[in-house]
Amino acid sequence: QVQLVESGGGSVQAGGSLRLSCVVSGFTYSRYCMGWFRQAPGAEREDVALIDNDGIKSTAESVRGRFAISQDNAKNTLYLQMNSLIPGDTAMYYCAARPGDSGGYCYRRPAEYSYWGQGTQVTVSS
């Protein structure tokens, strides 16, 4: 079965950095979208950064220039490098995967994603 396991969250002061990792297993699709989403208390889950099997990336405007998504196919791992963190980045961060051809555009809606990890908490203090 498909499993996504996140790690790398934690508590950091504003201006700091964290790198999240998501190890993916059992996901045998050659064409896909994968990404990072986050959900703060009382808020809806939102997309942060997405990547498809061709390496085409998209990043939410709120984190553009500070966060970067990457993947290491040899390690079956998805990463999210987060720099210049601000308190507004505090949330539970989830990785997710969606099989199928993206056509160069990964869906941003969480409902489009079939597989999810359990989440890793990121807390940024001022």
PDB file of N, CA and C in Angstrom:
ATOM      1  N   GLN A   1       0.845  -1.189   0.000  1.00  0.00           N
ATOM      2  CA  GLN A   1       0.000   0.000   0.000  1.00  0.00           C
ATOM      3  C   GLN A   1       0.884   1.244   0.000  1.00  0.00           C
ATOM      4  N   VAL A   2       0.287   2.339  -0.375  1.00  0.00           N
ATOM      5  CA  VAL A   2       1.010   3.610  -0.441  1.00  0.00           C
ATOM      6  C   VAL A   2       1.146   4.187   0.961  1.00  0.00           C
ATOM      7  N   GLN A   3       2.362   4.610   1.270  1.00  0.00           N
ATOM      8  CA  GLN A   3       2.613   5.277   2.549  1.00  0.00           C
ATOM      9  C   GLN A   3       3.453   6.517   2.310  1.00  0.00           C
ATOM     10  N   LEU A   4       3.103   7.588   2.988  1.00  0.00           N
ATOM     11  CA  LEU A   4       3.870   8.819   2.973  1.00  0.00           C
ATOM     12  C   LEU A   4       4.179   9.162   4.432  1.00  0.00           C
ATOM     13  N   VAL A   5       5.439   9.359   4.724  1.00  0.00           N
ATOM     14  CA  VAL A   5       5.846   9.610   6.102  1.00  0.00           C
ATOM     15  C   VAL A   5       6.690  10.880   6.145  1.00  0.00           C
ATOM     16  N   GLU A   6       6.154  11.906   6.806  1.00  0.00           N
ATOM     17  CA  GLU A   6       6.842  13.179   6.916  1.00  0.00           C
ATOM     18  C   GLU A   6       7.739  13.217   8.155  1.00  0.00           C
ATOM     19  N   SER A   7       8.741  14.049   8.082  1.00  0.00           N
ATOM     20  CA  SER A   7       9.606  14.326   9.221  1.00  0.00           C
ATOM     21  C   SER A   7      10.255  15.689   9.016  1.00  0.00           C
ATOM     22  N   GLY A   8      10.885  16.184  10.072  1.00  0.00           N
ATOM     23  CA  GLY A   8      11.631  17.420   9.947  1.00  0.00           C
ATOM     24  C   GLY A   8      10.981  18.648  10.555  1.00  0.00           C
ATOM     25  N   GLY A   9       9.759  18.500  11.032  1.00  0.00           N
ATOM     26  CA  GLY A   9       9.103  19.635  11.661  1.00  0.00           C
ATOM     27  C   GLY A   9       9.730  19.948  13.009  1.00  0.00           C
ATOM     28  N   GLY A  10       9.297  21.051  13.585  1.00  0.00           N
ATOM     29  CA  GLY A  10       9.816  21.442  14.882  1.00  0.00           C
ATOM     30  C   GLY A  10       9.480  22.876  15.199  1.00  0.00           C
ATOM     31  N   SER A  11      10.100  23.384  16.249  1.00  0.00           N
ATOM     32  CA  SER A  11       9.906  24.765  16.673  1.00  0.00           C
ATOM     33  C   SER A  11      11.134  25.578  16.322  1.00  0.00           C
ATOM     34  N   VAL A  12      10.901  26.743  15.767  1.00  0.00           N
ATOM     35  CA  VAL A  12      12.008  27.591  15.324  1.00  0.00           C
ATOM     36  C   VAL A  12      11.608  29.048  15.511  1.00  0.00           C
ATOM     37  N   GLN A  13      12.584  29.908  15.681  1.00  0.00           N
ATOM     38  CA  GLN A  13      12.304  31.342  15.780  1.00  0.00           C
ATOM     39  C   GLN A  13      12.133  31.943  14.396  1.00  0.00           C
ATOM     40  N   ALA A  14      11.432  33.036  14.358  1.00  0.00           N
ATOM     41  CA  ALA A  14      11.240  33.746  13.093  1.00  0.00           C
ATOM     42  C   ALA A  14      12.593  34.048  12.456  1.00  0.00           C
ATOM     43  N   GLY A  15      12.637  33.845  11.149  1.00  0.00           N
ATOM     44  CA  GLY A  15      13.877  34.027  10.414  1.00  0.00           C
ATOM     45  C   GLY A  15      14.670  32.752  10.235  1.00  0.00           C
ATOM     46  N   GLY A  16      14.281  31.719  10.952  1.00  0.00           N
ATOM     47  CA  GLY A  16      15.000  30.456  10.884  1.00  0.00           C
ATOM     48  C   GLY A  16      14.585  29.606   9.691  1.00  0.00           C
ATOM     49  N   SER A  17      15.169  28.417   9.628  1.00  0.00           N
ATOM     50  CA  SER A  17      14.939  27.501   8.514  1.00  0.00           C
ATOM     51  C   SER A  17      14.640  26.100   9.025  1.00  0.00           C
ATOM     52  N   LEU A  18      13.888  25.375   8.229  1.00  0.00           N
ATOM     53  CA  LEU A  18      13.643  23.959   8.456  1.00  0.00           C
ATOM     54  C   LEU A  18      13.581  23.269   7.106  1.00  0.00           C
ATOM     55  N   ARG A  19      13.917  21.980   7.094  1.00  0.00           N
ATOM     56  CA  ARG A  19      13.722  21.179   5.888  1.00  0.00           C
ATOM     57  C   ARG A  19      12.856  19.983   6.240  1.00  0.00           C
ATOM     58  N   LEU A  20      11.721  19.907   5.583  1.00  0.00           N
ATOM     59  CA  LEU A  20      10.818  18.784   5.760  1.00  0.00           C
ATOM     60  C   LEU A  20      11.137  17.704   4.732  1.00  0.00           C
ATOM     61  N   SER A  21      10.969  16.452   5.158  1.00  0.00           N
ATOM     62  CA  SER A  21      11.153  15.317   4.256  1.00  0.00           C
ATOM     63  C   SER A  21       9.899  14.461   4.266  1.00  0.00           C
ATOM     64  N   CYS A  22       9.648  13.821   3.153  1.00  0.00           N
ATOM     65  CA  CYS A  22       8.504  12.910   3.039  1.00  0.00           C
ATOM     66  C   CYS A  22       8.979  11.687   2.264  1.00  0.00           C
ATOM     67  N   VAL A  23       9.067  10.563   2.947  1.00  0.00           N
ATOM     68  CA  VAL A  23       9.464   9.320   2.297  1.00  0.00           C
ATOM     69  C   VAL A  23       8.214   8.623   1.783  1.00  0.00           C
ATOM     70  N   VAL A  24       8.240   8.308   0.502  1.00  0.00           N
ATOM     71  CA  VAL A  24       7.085   7.717  -0.175  1.00  0.00           C
ATOM     72  C   VAL A  24       7.385   6.254  -0.498  1.00  0.00           C
ATOM     73  N   SER A  25       6.477   5.376  -0.155  1.00  0.00           N
ATOM     74  CA  SER A  25       6.643   3.965  -0.488  1.00  0.00           C
ATOM     75  C   SER A  25       5.355   3.414  -1.077  1.00  0.00           C
ATOM     76  N   GLY A  26       5.504   2.407  -1.925  1.00  0.00           N
ATOM     77  CA  GLY A  26       4.341   1.767  -2.523  1.00  0.00           C
ATOM     78  C   GLY A  26       3.648   2.568  -3.600  1.00  0.00           C
ATOM     79  N   PHE A  27       4.211   3.680  -3.982  1.00  0.00           N
ATOM     80  CA  PHE A  27       3.597   4.559  -5.004  1.00  0.00           C
ATOM     81  C   PHE A  27       4.314   4.280  -6.312  1.00  0.00           C
ATOM     82  N   THR A  28       3.674   3.511  -7.173  1.00  0.00           N
ATOM     83  CA  THR A  28       4.345   2.993  -8.359  1.00  0.00           C
ATOM     84  C   THR A  28       3.980   3.723  -9.639  1.00  0.00           C
ATOM     85  N   TYR A  29       3.279   4.827  -9.529  1.00  0.00           N
ATOM     86  CA  TYR A  29       2.850   5.551 -10.713  1.00  0.00           C
ATOM     87  C   TYR A  29       4.001   6.356 -11.295  1.00  0.00           C
ATOM     88  N   SER A  30       4.133   6.325 -12.608  1.00  0.00           N
ATOM     89  CA  SER A  30       5.219   7.047 -13.250  1.00  0.00           C
ATOM     90  C   SER A  30       4.848   8.502 -13.515  1.00  0.00           C
ATOM     91  N   ARG A  31       3.576   8.793 -13.535  1.00  0.00           N
ATOM     92  CA  ARG A  31       3.131  10.163 -13.756  1.00  0.00           C
ATOM     93  C   ARG A  31       2.291  10.584 -12.550  1.00  0.00           C
ATOM     94  N   TYR A  32       2.610  11.745 -12.033  1.00  0.00           N
ATOM     95  CA  TYR A  32       1.998  12.109 -10.753  1.00  0.00           C
ATOM     96  C   TYR A  32       2.196  13.581 -10.460  1.00  0.00           C
ATOM     97  N   CYS A  33       1.497  14.030  -9.458  1.00  0.00           N
ATOM     98  CA  CYS A  33       1.793  15.264  -8.754  1.00  0.00           C
ATOM     99  C   CYS A  33       2.016  14.914  -7.292  1.00  0.00           C
ATOM    100  N   MET A  34       2.964  15.576  -6.703  1.00  0.00           N
ATOM    101  CA  MET A  34       3.181  15.461  -5.263  1.00  0.00           C
ATOM    102  C   MET A  34       3.349  16.861  -4.713  1.00  0.00           C
ATOM    103  N   GLY A  35       3.075  17.003  -3.442  1.00  0.00           N
ATOM    104  CA  GLY A  35       3.197  18.336  -2.912  1.00  0.00           C
ATOM    105  C   GLY A  35       3.104  18.401  -1.407  1.00  0.00           C
ATOM    106  N   TRP A  36       3.279  19.611  -0.952  1.00  0.00           N
ATOM    107  CA  TRP A  36       3.168  19.948   0.459  1.00  0.00           C
ATOM    108  C   TRP A  36       1.959  20.856   0.655  1.00  0.00           C
ATOM    109  N   PHE A  37       1.215  20.537   1.683  1.00  0.00           N
ATOM    110  CA  PHE A  37       0.060  21.327   2.092  1.00  0.00           C
ATOM    111  C   PHE A  37       0.226  21.658   3.567  1.00  0.00           C
ATOM    112  N   ARG A  38      -0.508  22.642   4.022  1.00  0.00           N
ATOM    113  CA  ARG A  38      -0.457  22.962   5.442  1.00  0.00           C
ATOM    114  C   ARG A  38      -1.835  23.360   5.938  1.00  0.00           C
ATOM    115  N   GLN A  39      -2.003  23.184   7.234  1.00  0.00           N
ATOM    116  CA  GLN A  39      -3.273  23.542   7.848  1.00  0.00           C
ATOM    117  C   GLN A  39      -3.015  24.105   9.239  1.00  0.00           C
ATOM    118  N   ALA A  40      -3.388  25.353   9.401  1.00  0.00           N
ATOM    119  CA  ALA A  40      -3.285  26.012  10.696  1.00  0.00           C
ATOM    120  C   ALA A  40      -4.590  25.792  11.459  1.00  0.00           C
ATOM    121  N   PRO A  41      -4.562  25.887  12.785  1.00  0.00           N
ATOM    122  CA  PRO A  41      -5.790  25.700  13.571  1.00  0.00           C
ATOM    123  C   PRO A  41      -6.900  26.640  13.124  1.00  0.00           C
ATOM    124  N   GLY A  42      -8.067  26.070  12.888  1.00  0.00           N
ATOM    125  CA  GLY A  42      -9.213  26.869  12.481  1.00  0.00           C
ATOM    126  C   GLY A  42      -9.221  27.293  11.032  1.00  0.00           C
ATOM    127  N   ALA A  43      -8.216  26.871  10.274  1.00  0.00           N
ATOM    128  CA  ALA A  43      -8.126  27.273   8.871  1.00  0.00           C
ATOM    129  C   ALA A  43      -8.280  26.063   7.963  1.00  0.00           C
ATOM    130  N   GLU A  44      -8.548  26.327   6.703  1.00  0.00           N
ATOM    131  CA  GLU A  44      -8.633  25.238   5.734  1.00  0.00           C
ATOM    132  C   GLU A  44      -7.224  24.802   5.319  1.00  0.00           C
ATOM    133  N   ARG A  45      -7.142  23.562   4.877  1.00  0.00           N
ATOM    134  CA  ARG A  45      -5.876  23.076   4.356  1.00  0.00           C
ATOM    135  C   ARG A  45      -5.577  23.792   3.036  1.00  0.00           C
ATOM    136  N   GLU A  46      -4.332  24.203   2.858  1.00  0.00           N
ATOM    137  CA  GLU A  46      -3.951  24.939   1.654  1.00  0.00           C
ATOM    138  C   GLU A  46      -2.671  24.372   1.056  1.00  0.00           C
ATOM    139  N   ASP A  47      -2.544  24.579  -0.236  1.00  0.00           N
ATOM    140  CA  ASP A  47      -1.330  24.130  -0.909  1.00  0.00           C
ATOM    141  C   ASP A  47      -0.175  25.047  -0.581  1.00  0.00           C
ATOM    142  N   VAL A  48       1.015  24.470  -0.536  1.00  0.00           N
ATOM    143  CA  VAL A  48       2.238  25.236  -0.291  1.00  0.00           C
ATOM    144  C   VAL A  48       3.147  25.158  -1.515  1.00  0.00           C
ATOM    145  N   ALA A  49       3.458  23.939  -1.950  1.00  0.00           N
ATOM    146  CA  ALA A  49       4.332  23.752  -3.099  1.00  0.00           C
ATOM    147  C   ALA A  49       4.041  22.398  -3.721  1.00  0.00           C
ATOM    148  N   LEU A  50       4.099  22.355  -5.050  1.00  0.00           N
ATOM    149  CA  LEU A  50       3.741  21.159  -5.800  1.00  0.00           C
ATOM    150  C   LEU A  50       4.822  20.853  -6.818  1.00  0.00           C
ATOM    151  N   ILE A  51       4.927  19.573  -7.191  1.00  0.00           N
ATOM    152  CA  ILE A  51       5.895  19.157  -8.196  1.00  0.00           C
ATOM    153  C   ILE A  51       5.345  17.950  -8.933  1.00  0.00           C
ATOM    154  N   ASP A  52       5.615  17.860 -10.228  1.00  0.00           N
ATOM    155  CA  ASP A  52       5.153  16.688 -10.966  1.00  0.00           C
ATOM    156  C   ASP A  52       6.339  15.817 -11.367  1.00  0.00           C
ATOM    157  N   ASN A  53       6.051  14.719 -12.075  1.00  0.00           N
ATOM    158  CA  ASN A  53       7.085  13.752 -12.405  1.00  0.00           C
ATOM    159  C   ASN A  53       8.136  14.325 -13.349  1.00  0.00           C
ATOM    160  N   ASP A  54       7.802  15.401 -14.056  1.00  0.00           N
ATOM    161  CA  ASP A  54       8.773  16.056 -14.932  1.00  0.00           C
ATOM    162  C   ASP A  54       9.577  17.121 -14.190  1.00  0.00           C
ATOM    163  N   GLY A  55       9.303  17.290 -12.909  1.00  0.00           N
ATOM    164  CA  GLY A  55      10.021  18.291 -12.131  1.00  0.00           C
ATOM    165  C   GLY A  55       9.462  19.692 -12.236  1.00  0.00           C
ATOM    166  N   ILE A  56       8.301  19.829 -12.852  1.00  0.00           N
ATOM    167  CA  ILE A  56       7.667  21.149 -12.946  1.00  0.00           C
ATOM    168  C   ILE A  56       7.088  21.501 -11.578  1.00  0.00           C
ATOM    169  N   LYS A  57       7.438  22.692 -11.119  1.00  0.00           N
ATOM    170  CA  LYS A  57       7.079  23.097  -9.757  1.00  0.00           C
ATOM    171  C   LYS A  57       6.132  24.285  -9.766  1.00  0.00           C
ATOM    172  N   SER A  58       5.370  24.370  -8.692  1.00  0.00           N
ATOM    173  CA  SER A  58       4.596  25.574  -8.438  1.00  0.00           C
ATOM    174  C   SER A  58       4.616  25.825  -6.941  1.00  0.00           C
ATOM    175  N   THR A  59       4.620  27.082  -6.588  1.00  0.00           N
ATOM    176  CA  THR A  59       4.731  27.481  -5.189  1.00  0.00           C
ATOM    177  C   THR A  59       3.674  28.529  -4.890  1.00  0.00           C
ATOM    178  N   ALA A  60       3.029  28.385  -3.749  1.00  0.00           N
ATOM    179  CA  ALA A  60       2.012  29.354  -3.360  1.00  0.00           C
ATOM    180  C   ALA A  60       2.634  30.737  -3.186  1.00  0.00           C
ATOM    181  N   GLU A  61       1.877  31.748  -3.515  1.00  0.00           N
ATOM    182  CA  GLU A  61       2.381  33.116  -3.462  1.00  0.00           C
ATOM    183  C   GLU A  61       2.855  33.481  -2.061  1.00  0.00           C
ATOM    184  N   SER A  62       2.195  32.964  -1.038  1.00  0.00           N
ATOM    185  CA  SER A  62       2.524  33.332   0.334  1.00  0.00           C
ATOM    186  C   SER A  62       3.910  32.864   0.767  1.00  0.00           C
ATOM    187  N   VAL A  63       4.465  31.879   0.067  1.00  0.00           N
ATOM    188  CA  VAL A  63       5.772  31.339   0.463  1.00  0.00           C
ATOM    189  C   VAL A  63       6.803  31.460  -0.653  1.00  0.00           C
ATOM    190  N   ARG A  64       6.411  32.040  -1.762  1.00  0.00           N
ATOM    191  CA  ARG A  64       7.315  32.133  -2.909  1.00  0.00           C
ATOM    192  C   ARG A  64       8.554  32.942  -2.550  1.00  0.00           C
ATOM    193  N   GLY A  65       9.699  32.402  -2.931  1.00  0.00           N
ATOM    194  CA  GLY A  65      10.962  33.055  -2.613  1.00  0.00           C
ATOM    195  C   GLY A  65      11.523  32.636  -1.266  1.00  0.00           C
ATOM    196  N   ARG A  66      10.706  31.951  -0.452  1.00  0.00           N
ATOM    197  CA  ARG A  66      11.182  31.490   0.861  1.00  0.00           C
ATOM    198  C   ARG A  66      11.207  29.960   0.946  1.00  0.00           C
ATOM    199  N   PHE A  67      10.257  29.312   0.309  1.00  0.00           N
ATOM    200  CA  PHE A  67      10.152  27.853   0.355  1.00  0.00           C
ATOM    201  C   PHE A  67      10.505  27.277  -1.012  1.00  0.00           C
ATOM    202  N   ALA A  68      11.079  26.069  -1.006  1.00  0.00           N
ATOM    203  CA  ALA A  68      11.402  25.391  -2.260  1.00  0.00           C
ATOM    204  C   ALA A  68      11.132  23.903  -2.122  1.00  0.00           C
ATOM    205  N   ILE A  69      10.443  23.369  -3.104  1.00  0.00           N
ATOM    206  CA  ILE A  69      10.146  21.938  -3.127  1.00  0.00           C
ATOM    207  C   ILE A  69      11.144  21.236  -4.043  1.00  0.00           C
ATOM    208  N   SER A  70      11.507  20.013  -3.669  1.00  0.00           N
ATOM    209  CA  SER A  70      12.386  19.209  -4.513  1.00  0.00           C
ATOM    210  C   SER A  70      12.078  17.738  -4.269  1.00  0.00           C
ATOM    211  N   GLN A  71      12.594  16.911  -5.154  1.00  0.00           N
ATOM    212  CA  GLN A  71      12.390  15.472  -4.987  1.00  0.00           C
ATOM    213  C   GLN A  71      13.660  14.729  -5.359  1.00  0.00           C
ATOM    214  N   ASP A  72      13.899  13.643  -4.666  1.00  0.00           N
ATOM    215  CA  ASP A  72      15.015  12.751  -4.956  1.00  0.00           C
ATOM    216  C   ASP A  72      14.395  11.402  -5.279  1.00  0.00           C
ATOM    217  N   ASN A  73      14.280  11.125  -6.565  1.00  0.00           N
ATOM    218  CA  ASN A  73      13.592   9.894  -6.971  1.00  0.00           C
ATOM    219  C   ASN A  73      14.358   8.647  -6.544  1.00  0.00           C
ATOM    220  N   ALA A  74      15.668   8.740  -6.458  1.00  0.00           N
ATOM    221  CA  ALA A  74      16.463   7.583  -6.037  1.00  0.00           C
ATOM    222  C   ALA A  74      16.155   7.209  -4.589  1.00  0.00           C
ATOM    223  N   LYS A  75      15.786   8.208  -3.803  1.00  0.00           N
ATOM    224  CA  LYS A  75      15.479   7.968  -2.395  1.00  0.00           C
ATOM    225  C   LYS A  75      13.977   7.950  -2.123  1.00  0.00           C
ATOM    226  N   ASN A  76      13.178   8.125  -3.181  1.00  0.00           N
ATOM    227  CA  ASN A  76      11.718   8.176  -3.011  1.00  0.00           C
ATOM    228  C   ASN A  76      11.318   9.189  -1.950  1.00  0.00           C
ATOM    229  N   THR A  77      11.944  10.345  -2.009  1.00  0.00           N
ATOM    230  CA  THR A  77      11.745  11.342  -0.965  1.00  0.00           C
ATOM    231  C   THR A  77      11.427  12.700  -1.573  1.00  0.00           C
ATOM    232  N   LEU A  78      10.470  13.353  -0.955  1.00  0.00           N
ATOM    233  CA  LEU A  78      10.061  14.697  -1.304  1.00  0.00           C
ATOM    234  C   LEU A  78      10.545  15.626  -0.189  1.00  0.00           C
ATOM    235  N   TYR A  79      11.011  16.795  -0.578  1.00  0.00           N
ATOM    236  CA  TYR A  79      11.542  17.754   0.406  1.00  0.00           C
ATOM    237  C   TYR A  79      10.822  19.092   0.306  1.00  0.00           C
ATOM    238  N   LEU A  80      10.840  19.805   1.415  1.00  0.00           N
ATOM    239  CA  LEU A  80      10.413  21.201   1.417  1.00  0.00           C
ATOM    240  C   LEU A  80      11.424  21.987   2.241  1.00  0.00           C
ATOM    241  N   GLN A  81      12.221  22.780   1.573  1.00  0.00           N
ATOM    242  CA  GLN A  81      13.161  23.669   2.244  1.00  0.00           C
ATOM    243  C   GLN A  81      12.431  24.963   2.582  1.00  0.00           C
ATOM    244  N   MET A  82      12.414  25.296   3.864  1.00  0.00           N
ATOM    245  CA  MET A  82      11.696  26.492   4.311  1.00  0.00           C
ATOM    246  C   MET A  82      12.688  27.455   4.949  1.00  0.00           C
ATOM    247  N   ASN A  83      12.824  28.616   4.358  1.00  0.00           N
ATOM    248  CA  ASN A  83      13.726  29.655   4.860  1.00  0.00           C
ATOM    249  C   ASN A  83      12.928  30.885   5.254  1.00  0.00           C
ATOM    250  N   SER A  84      13.560  31.743   6.018  1.00  0.00           N
ATOM    251  CA  SER A  84      12.936  33.012   6.441  1.00  0.00           C
ATOM    252  C   SER A  84      11.539  32.767   6.993  1.00  0.00           C
ATOM    253  N   LEU A  85      11.442  31.825   7.885  1.00  0.00           N
ATOM    254  CA  LEU A  85      10.136  31.460   8.439  1.00  0.00           C
ATOM    255  C   LEU A  85       9.550  32.607   9.256  1.00  0.00           C
ATOM    256  N   ILE A  86       8.242  32.717   9.188  1.00  0.00           N
ATOM    257  CA  ILE A  86       7.498  33.737   9.931  1.00  0.00           C
ATOM    258  C   ILE A  86       6.420  33.040  10.763  1.00  0.00           C
ATOM    259  N   PRO A  87       5.907  33.720  11.807  1.00  0.00           N
ATOM    260  CA  PRO A  87       4.874  33.079  12.633  1.00  0.00           C
ATOM    261  C   PRO A  87       3.668  32.597  11.823  1.00  0.00           C
ATOM    262  N   GLY A  88       3.364  33.285  10.737  1.00  0.00           N
ATOM    263  CA  GLY A  88       2.241  32.886   9.891  1.00  0.00           C
ATOM    264  C   GLY A  88       2.437  31.551   9.190  1.00  0.00           C
ATOM    265  N   ASP A  89       3.663  31.017   9.246  1.00  0.00           N
ATOM    266  CA  ASP A  89       3.919  29.696   8.655  1.00  0.00           C
ATOM    267  C   ASP A  89       3.594  28.566   9.625  1.00  0.00           C
ATOM    268  N   THR A  90       3.250  28.896  10.853  1.00  0.00           N
ATOM    269  CA  THR A  90       2.923  27.875  11.846  1.00  0.00           C
ATOM    270  C   THR A  90       1.708  27.074  11.409  1.00  0.00           C
ATOM    271  N   ALA A  91       1.875  25.761  11.320  1.00  0.00           N
ATOM    272  CA  ALA A  91       0.813  24.881  10.848  1.00  0.00           C
ATOM    273  C   ALA A  91       1.282  23.438  10.921  1.00  0.00           C
ATOM    274  N   MET A  92       0.337  22.539  10.702  1.00  0.00           N
ATOM    275  CA  MET A  92       0.687  21.144  10.443  1.00  0.00           C
ATOM    276  C   MET A  92       0.949  21.040   8.944  1.00  0.00           C
ATOM    277  N   TYR A  93       2.071  20.452   8.600  1.00  0.00           N
ATOM    278  CA  TYR A  93       2.451  20.309   7.196  1.00  0.00           C
ATOM    279  C   TYR A  93       2.291  18.851   6.775  1.00  0.00           C
ATOM    280  N   TYR A  94       1.635  18.675   5.628  1.00  0.00           N
ATOM    281  CA  TYR A  94       1.355  17.355   5.096  1.00  0.00           C
ATOM    282  C   TYR A  94       1.953  17.213   3.704  1.00  0.00           C
ATOM    283  N   CYS A  95       2.462  16.027   3.398  1.00  0.00           N
ATOM    284  CA  CYS A  95       2.782  15.742   2.008  1.00  0.00           C
ATOM    285  C   CYS A  95       1.655  14.888   1.435  1.00  0.00           C
ATOM    286  N   ALA A  96       1.480  14.991   0.132  1.00  0.00           N
ATOM    287  CA  ALA A  96       0.389  14.307  -0.542  1.00  0.00           C
ATOM    288  C   ALA A  96       0.804  13.921  -1.945  1.00  0.00           C
ATOM    289  N   ALA A  97       0.123  12.927  -2.488  1.00  0.00           N
ATOM    290  CA  ALA A  97       0.438  12.450  -3.826  1.00  0.00           C
ATOM    291  C   ALA A  97      -0.840  12.175  -4.597  1.00  0.00           C
ATOM    292  N   ARG A  98      -0.748  12.413  -5.900  1.00  0.00           N
ATOM    293  CA  ARG A  98      -1.882  12.221  -6.794  1.00  0.00           C
ATOM    294  C   ARG A  98      -1.384  11.560  -8.068  1.00  0.00           C
ATOM    295  N   PRO A  99      -1.815  10.340  -8.378  1.00  0.00           N
ATOM    296  CA  PRO A  99      -1.371   9.711  -9.626  1.00  0.00           C
ATOM    297  C   PRO A  99      -2.046  10.346 -10.831  1.00  0.00           C
ATOM    298  N   GLY A 100      -1.364  10.265 -11.975  1.00  0.00           N
ATOM    299  CA  GLY A 100      -1.945  10.756 -13.206  1.00  0.00           C
ATOM    300  C   GLY A 100      -1.116  11.857 -13.831  1.00  0.00           C
ATOM    301  N   ASP A 101      -1.312  12.071 -15.114  1.00  0.00           N
ATOM    302  CA  ASP A 101      -0.575  13.081 -15.865  1.00  0.00           C
ATOM    303  C   ASP A 101      -1.070  14.470 -15.482  1.00  0.00           C
ATOM    304  N   SER A 102      -0.146  15.326 -15.090  1.00  0.00           N
ATOM    305  CA  SER A 102      -0.533  16.663 -14.672  1.00  0.00           C
ATOM    306  C   SER A 102      -0.770  17.598 -15.847  1.00  0.00           C
ATOM    307  N   GLY A 103      -0.225  17.242 -17.023  1.00  0.00           N
ATOM    308  CA  GLY A 103      -0.313  18.147 -18.149  1.00  0.00           C
ATOM    309  C   GLY A 103       0.445  19.434 -17.907  1.00  0.00           C
ATOM    310  N   GLY A 104       1.421  19.397 -17.016  1.00  0.00           N
ATOM    311  CA  GLY A 104       2.214  20.579 -16.712  1.00  0.00           C
ATOM    312  C   GLY A 104       1.618  21.452 -15.633  1.00  0.00           C
ATOM    313  N   TYR A 105       0.512  21.019 -15.088  1.00  0.00           N
ATOM    314  CA  TYR A 105      -0.161  21.814 -14.046  1.00  0.00           C
ATOM    315  C   TYR A 105      -0.675  20.871 -12.985  1.00  0.00           C
ATOM    316  N   CYS A 106      -0.171  21.027 -11.762  1.00  0.00           N
ATOM    317  CA  CYS A 106      -0.649  20.215 -10.654  1.00  0.00           C
ATOM    318  C   CYS A 106      -1.828  20.898  -9.969  1.00  0.00           C
ATOM    319  N   TYR A 107      -2.846  20.124  -9.702  1.00  0.00           N
ATOM    320  CA  TYR A 107      -4.005  20.657  -9.012  1.00  0.00           C
ATOM    321  C   TYR A 107      -3.614  21.190  -7.639  1.00  0.00           C
ATOM    322  N   ARG A 108      -4.201  22.287  -7.262  1.00  0.00           N
ATOM    323  CA  ARG A 108      -3.885  22.906  -5.973  1.00  0.00           C
ATOM    324  C   ARG A 108      -4.853  22.494  -4.880  1.00  0.00           C
ATOM    325  N   ARG A 109      -6.011  21.986  -5.274  1.00  0.00           N
ATOM    326  CA  ARG A 109      -7.018  21.648  -4.266  1.00  0.00           C
ATOM    327  C   ARG A 109      -6.643  20.379  -3.529  1.00  0.00           C
ATOM    328  N   PRO A 110      -6.640  20.387  -2.207  1.00  0.00           N
ATOM    329  CA  PRO A 110      -6.321  19.161  -1.451  1.00  0.00           C
ATOM    330  C   PRO A 110      -7.215  17.988  -1.815  1.00  0.00           C
ATOM    331  N   ALA A 111      -8.462  18.245  -2.168  1.00  0.00           N
ATOM    332  CA  ALA A 111      -9.397  17.163  -2.472  1.00  0.00           C
ATOM    333  C   ALA A 111      -8.960  16.353  -3.686  1.00  0.00           C
ATOM    334  N   GLU A 112      -8.064  16.907  -4.505  1.00  0.00           N
ATOM    335  CA  GLU A 112      -7.603  16.192  -5.698  1.00  0.00           C
ATOM    336  C   GLU A 112      -6.548  15.141  -5.373  1.00  0.00           C
ATOM    337  N   TYR A 113      -6.072  15.125  -4.145  1.00  0.00           N
ATOM    338  CA  TYR A 113      -4.963  14.248  -3.782  1.00  0.00           C
ATOM    339  C   TYR A 113      -5.464  13.026  -3.025  1.00  0.00           C
ATOM    340  N   SER A 114      -5.001  11.855  -3.478  1.00  0.00           N
ATOM    341  CA  SER A 114      -5.519  10.594  -2.965  1.00  0.00           C
ATOM    342  C   SER A 114      -4.774  10.100  -1.734  1.00  0.00           C
ATOM    343  N   TYR A 115      -3.496  10.411  -1.681  1.00  0.00           N
ATOM    344  CA  TYR A 115      -2.651   9.840  -0.635  1.00  0.00           C
ATOM    345  C   TYR A 115      -2.037  10.949   0.213  1.00  0.00           C
ATOM    346  N   TRP A 116      -2.066  10.711   1.518  1.00  0.00           N
ATOM    347  CA  TRP A 116      -1.606  11.724   2.467  1.00  0.00           C
ATOM    348  C   TRP A 116      -0.727  11.105   3.548  1.00  0.00           C
ATOM    349  N   GLY A 117       0.220  11.896   4.023  1.00  0.00           N
ATOM    350  CA  GLY A 117       0.970  11.524   5.208  1.00  0.00           C
ATOM    351  C   GLY A 117       0.226  11.956   6.461  1.00  0.00           C
ATOM    352  N   GLN A 118       0.846  11.675   7.600  1.00  0.00           N
ATOM    353  CA  GLN A 118       0.196  11.961   8.883  1.00  0.00           C
ATOM    354  C   GLN A 118       0.449  13.396   9.343  1.00  0.00           C
ATOM    355  N   GLY A 119       1.401  14.063   8.725  1.00  0.00           N
ATOM    356  CA  GLY A 119       1.677  15.454   9.055  1.00  0.00           C
ATOM    357  C   GLY A 119       2.842  15.614  10.013  1.00  0.00           C
ATOM    358  N   THR A 120       3.473  16.785   9.926  1.00  0.00           N
ATOM    359  CA  THR A 120       4.537  17.153  10.844  1.00  0.00           C
ATOM    360  C   THR A 120       4.327  18.617  11.235  1.00  0.00           C
ATOM    361  N   GLN A 121       4.428  18.905  12.521  1.00  0.00           N
ATOM    362  CA  GLN A 121       4.101  20.233  13.036  1.00  0.00           C
ATOM    363  C   GLN A 121       5.282  21.184  12.886  1.00  0.00           C
ATOM    364  N   VAL A 122       4.983  22.358  12.392  1.00  0.00           N
ATOM    365  CA  VAL A 122       5.966  23.446  12.321  1.00  0.00           C
ATOM    366  C   VAL A 122       5.424  24.609  13.141  1.00  0.00           C
ATOM    367  N   THR A 123       6.228  25.072  14.080  1.00  0.00           N
ATOM    368  CA  THR A 123       5.836  26.182  14.932  1.00  0.00           C
ATOM    369  C   THR A 123       6.914  27.246  14.862  1.00  0.00           C
ATOM    370  N   VAL A 124       6.522  28.453  14.484  1.00  0.00           N
ATOM    371  CA  VAL A 124       7.464  29.563  14.349  1.00  0.00           C
ATOM    372  C   VAL A 124       7.091  30.624  15.378  1.00  0.00           C
ATOM    373  N   SER A 125       8.036  30.964  16.241  1.00  0.00           N
ATOM    374  CA  SER A 125       7.794  31.964  17.271  1.00  0.00           C
ATOM    375  C   SER A 125       8.460  33.279  16.901  1.00  0.00           C
ATOM    376  N   SER A 126       7.854  34.350  17.368  1.00  0.00           N
ATOM    377  CA  SER A 126       8.387  35.688  17.032  1.00  0.00           C
ATOM    378  C   SER A 126       9.451  36.120  18.017  1.00  0.00           C
TER     379      SER A 126
END
